[in-house]
Amino acid sequence: MFFAGSFPPANRWLCMSRRSRPGFRRTRRIALSAEIICMREGTLEFQHDGVTERASAGDILFVAKGTMHGVRNVGDGPAAYFVIAIGGDTNRKQSTGI
């Protein structure tokens, strides 16, 4: 599920709902837009620019555009979170499911 829209002057945004099983790792990549990650359930290990942090339900993460980052589900159960991408290449995110 995702929602998309725009903010004047034409800054695009996209909201994606994500769920991952225990042990799942999302490949590290460079953020094509600024991202706000809102944790709903579970525990993720968040890697960004050589730093590793943990986030769990209720936590909010910010990823600046151009940041090398990745996540891994380190919990015993599923992890669920929303990713809100602002600016950058939101059309690519829609088509590739990033």
C-alpha atoms as a PDB file:
ATOM      1  CA  MET A   1       0.000   0.000   0.000  1.00  0.00           C
ATOM      2  CA  PHE A   2       1.256   3.499  -0.729  1.00  0.00           C
ATOM      3  CA  PHE A   3      -0.010   7.055  -0.988  1.00  0.00           C
ATOM      4  CA  ALA A   4       1.545   9.822  -3.047  1.00  0.00           C
ATOM      5  CA  GLY A   5       1.052  13.553  -3.560  1.00  0.00           C
ATOM      6  CA  SER A   6       2.944  16.797  -3.872  1.00  0.00           C
ATOM      7  CA  PHE A   7       3.872  19.826  -1.809  1.00  0.00           C
ATOM      8  CA  PRO A   8       4.291  23.220  -3.464  1.00  0.00           C
ATOM      9  CA  PRO A   9       6.537  23.933  -5.285  1.00  0.00           C
ATOM     10  CA  ALA A  10       6.213  20.423  -6.752  1.00  0.00           C
ATOM     11  CA  ASN A  11       8.117  18.461  -4.083  1.00  0.00           C
ATOM     12  CA  ARG A  12       6.751  14.933  -4.471  1.00  0.00           C
ATOM     13  CA  TRP A  13       6.175  12.498  -1.614  1.00  0.00           C
ATOM     14  CA  LEU A  14       5.325   8.820  -1.294  1.00  0.00           C
ATOM     15  CA  CYS A  15       4.201   6.720   1.707  1.00  0.00           C
ATOM     16  CA  MET A  16       4.836   2.957   1.664  1.00  0.00           C
ATOM     17  CA  SER A  17       3.830   0.306   4.190  1.00  0.00           C
ATOM     18  CA  ARG A  18       6.496  -2.372   4.720  1.00  0.00           C
ATOM     19  CA  ARG A  19       6.532  -5.670   6.639  1.00  0.00           C
ATOM     20  CA  SER A  20       9.502  -8.010   7.024  1.00  0.00           C
ATOM     21  CA  ARG A  21      10.048 -11.444   8.561  1.00  0.00           C
ATOM     22  CA  PRO A  22      12.676 -12.114  11.262  1.00  0.00           C
ATOM     23  CA  GLY A  23      16.197 -12.085   9.789  1.00  0.00           C
ATOM     24  CA  PHE A  24      15.162 -10.205   6.630  1.00  0.00           C
ATOM     25  CA  ARG A  25      17.800  -7.735   5.402  1.00  0.00           C
ATOM     26  CA  ARG A  26      17.047  -4.907   2.951  1.00  0.00           C
ATOM     27  CA  THR A  27      20.067  -4.285   0.737  1.00  0.00           C
ATOM     28  CA  ARG A  28      22.081  -1.177   1.594  1.00  0.00           C
ATOM     29  CA  ARG A  29      21.575   1.613  -0.893  1.00  0.00           C
ATOM     30  CA  ILE A  30      21.809   5.372  -1.302  1.00  0.00           C
ATOM     31  CA  ALA A  31      18.583   7.202  -0.422  1.00  0.00           C
ATOM     32  CA  LEU A  32      17.172   8.833  -3.557  1.00  0.00           C
ATOM     33  CA  SER A  33      14.984  11.078  -1.385  1.00  0.00           C
ATOM     34  CA  ALA A  34      14.695  12.116   2.255  1.00  0.00           C
ATOM     35  CA  GLU A  35      12.919   9.324   4.163  1.00  0.00           C
ATOM     36  CA  ILE A  36      11.037   9.207   7.437  1.00  0.00           C
ATOM     37  CA  ILE A  37      10.641   5.668   8.774  1.00  0.00           C
ATOM     38  CA  CYS A  38       7.886   5.158  11.375  1.00  0.00           C
ATOM     39  CA  MET A  39       8.127   1.853  13.274  1.00  0.00           C
ATOM     40  CA  ARG A  40       4.784   0.155  13.997  1.00  0.00           C
ATOM     41  CA  GLU A  41       5.875  -3.292  15.193  1.00  0.00           C
ATOM     42  CA  GLY A  42       9.023  -5.326  15.851  1.00  0.00           C
ATOM     43  CA  THR A  43      12.696  -4.351  15.977  1.00  0.00           C
ATOM     44  CA  LEU A  44      14.961  -3.230  13.126  1.00  0.00           C
ATOM     45  CA  GLU A  45      18.694  -2.694  13.038  1.00  0.00           C
ATOM     46  CA  PHE A  46      19.236   0.481  11.004  1.00  0.00           C
ATOM     47  CA  GLN A  47      22.624   1.055   9.323  1.00  0.00           C
ATOM     48  CA  HIS A  48      23.471   4.519   8.020  1.00  0.00           C
ATOM     49  CA  ASP A  49      26.835   6.038   7.087  1.00  0.00           C
ATOM     50  CA  GLY A  50      28.794   3.450   9.097  1.00  0.00           C
ATOM     51  CA  VAL A  51      26.607   3.699  12.232  1.00  0.00           C
ATOM     52  CA  THR A  52      24.253   0.937  13.436  1.00  0.00           C
ATOM     53  CA  GLU A  53      21.240   1.695  15.646  1.00  0.00           C
ATOM     54  CA  ARG A  54      18.146  -0.221  16.782  1.00  0.00           C
ATOM     55  CA  ALA A  55      14.577   0.969  16.382  1.00  0.00           C
ATOM     56  CA  SER A  56      11.377  -0.588  17.718  1.00  0.00           C
ATOM     57  CA  ALA A  57       7.639   0.121  17.740  1.00  0.00           C
ATOM     58  CA  GLY A  58       6.981   3.844  18.228  1.00  0.00           C
ATOM     59  CA  ASP A  59      10.431   4.984  17.049  1.00  0.00           C
ATOM     60  CA  ILE A  60      10.877   7.359  14.108  1.00  0.00           C
ATOM     61  CA  LEU A  61      14.018   7.413  11.931  1.00  0.00           C
ATOM     62  CA  PHE A  62      15.157  10.064   9.465  1.00  0.00           C
ATOM     63  CA  VAL A  63      17.311   9.278   6.420  1.00  0.00           C
ATOM     64  CA  ALA A  64      18.752  12.271   4.568  1.00  0.00           C
ATOM     65  CA  LYS A  65      18.823  12.177   0.763  1.00  0.00           C
ATOM     66  CA  GLY A  66      22.137  10.715  -0.401  1.00  0.00           C
ATOM     67  CA  THR A  67      22.706   8.635   2.772  1.00  0.00           C
ATOM     68  CA  MET A  68      23.945   5.049   2.380  1.00  0.00           C
ATOM     69  CA  HIS A  69      21.540   3.005   4.523  1.00  0.00           C
ATOM     70  CA  GLY A  70      19.907  -0.382   5.076  1.00  0.00           C
ATOM     71  CA  VAL A  71      17.732  -2.243   7.594  1.00  0.00           C
ATOM     72  CA  ARG A  72      17.607  -5.742   9.063  1.00  0.00           C
ATOM     73  CA  ASN A  73      14.857  -7.309  11.149  1.00  0.00           C
ATOM     74  CA  VAL A  74      16.633  -8.414  14.343  1.00  0.00           C
ATOM     75  CA  GLY A  75      13.463  -9.222  16.305  1.00  0.00           C
ATOM     76  CA  ASP A  76      11.825 -12.574  17.026  1.00  0.00           C
ATOM     77  CA  GLY A  77       8.743 -11.628  15.022  1.00  0.00           C
ATOM     78  CA  PRO A  78       7.771  -9.551  12.006  1.00  0.00           C
ATOM     79  CA  ALA A  79       8.665  -5.869  11.730  1.00  0.00           C
ATOM     80  CA  ALA A  80       6.150  -3.413  10.283  1.00  0.00           C
ATOM     81  CA  TYR A  81       6.879   0.182   9.368  1.00  0.00           C
ATOM     82  CA  PHE A  82       5.900   3.061   7.101  1.00  0.00           C
ATOM     83  CA  VAL A  83       8.429   4.812   4.869  1.00  0.00           C
ATOM     84  CA  ILE A  84       7.581   8.383   3.873  1.00  0.00           C
ATOM     85  CA  ALA A  85       9.832   9.498   0.999  1.00  0.00           C
ATOM     86  CA  ILE A  86       9.952  13.247   0.325  1.00  0.00           C
ATOM     87  CA  GLY A  87      11.431  14.760  -2.832  1.00  0.00           C
ATOM     88  CA  GLY A  88      13.949  12.988  -5.009  1.00  0.00           C
ATOM     89  CA  ASP A  89      12.921  10.108  -7.256  1.00  0.00           C
ATOM     90  CA  THR A  90       9.592   8.966  -5.753  1.00  0.00           C
ATOM     91  CA  ASN A  91       8.469   7.597  -9.146  1.00  0.00           C
ATOM     92  CA  ARG A  92      11.325   5.074  -9.081  1.00  0.00           C
ATOM     93  CA  LYS A  93      10.365   3.981  -5.561  1.00  0.00           C
ATOM     94  CA  GLN A  94       6.810   3.267  -6.736  1.00  0.00           C
ATOM     95  CA  SER A  95       7.926   1.135  -9.673  1.00  0.00           C
ATOM     96  CA  THR A  96      10.758  -0.766  -7.956  1.00  0.00           C
ATOM     97  CA  GLY A  97       9.254  -1.209  -4.505  1.00  0.00           C
ATOM     98  CA  ILE A  98      12.324   0.234  -2.773  1.00  0.00           C
END
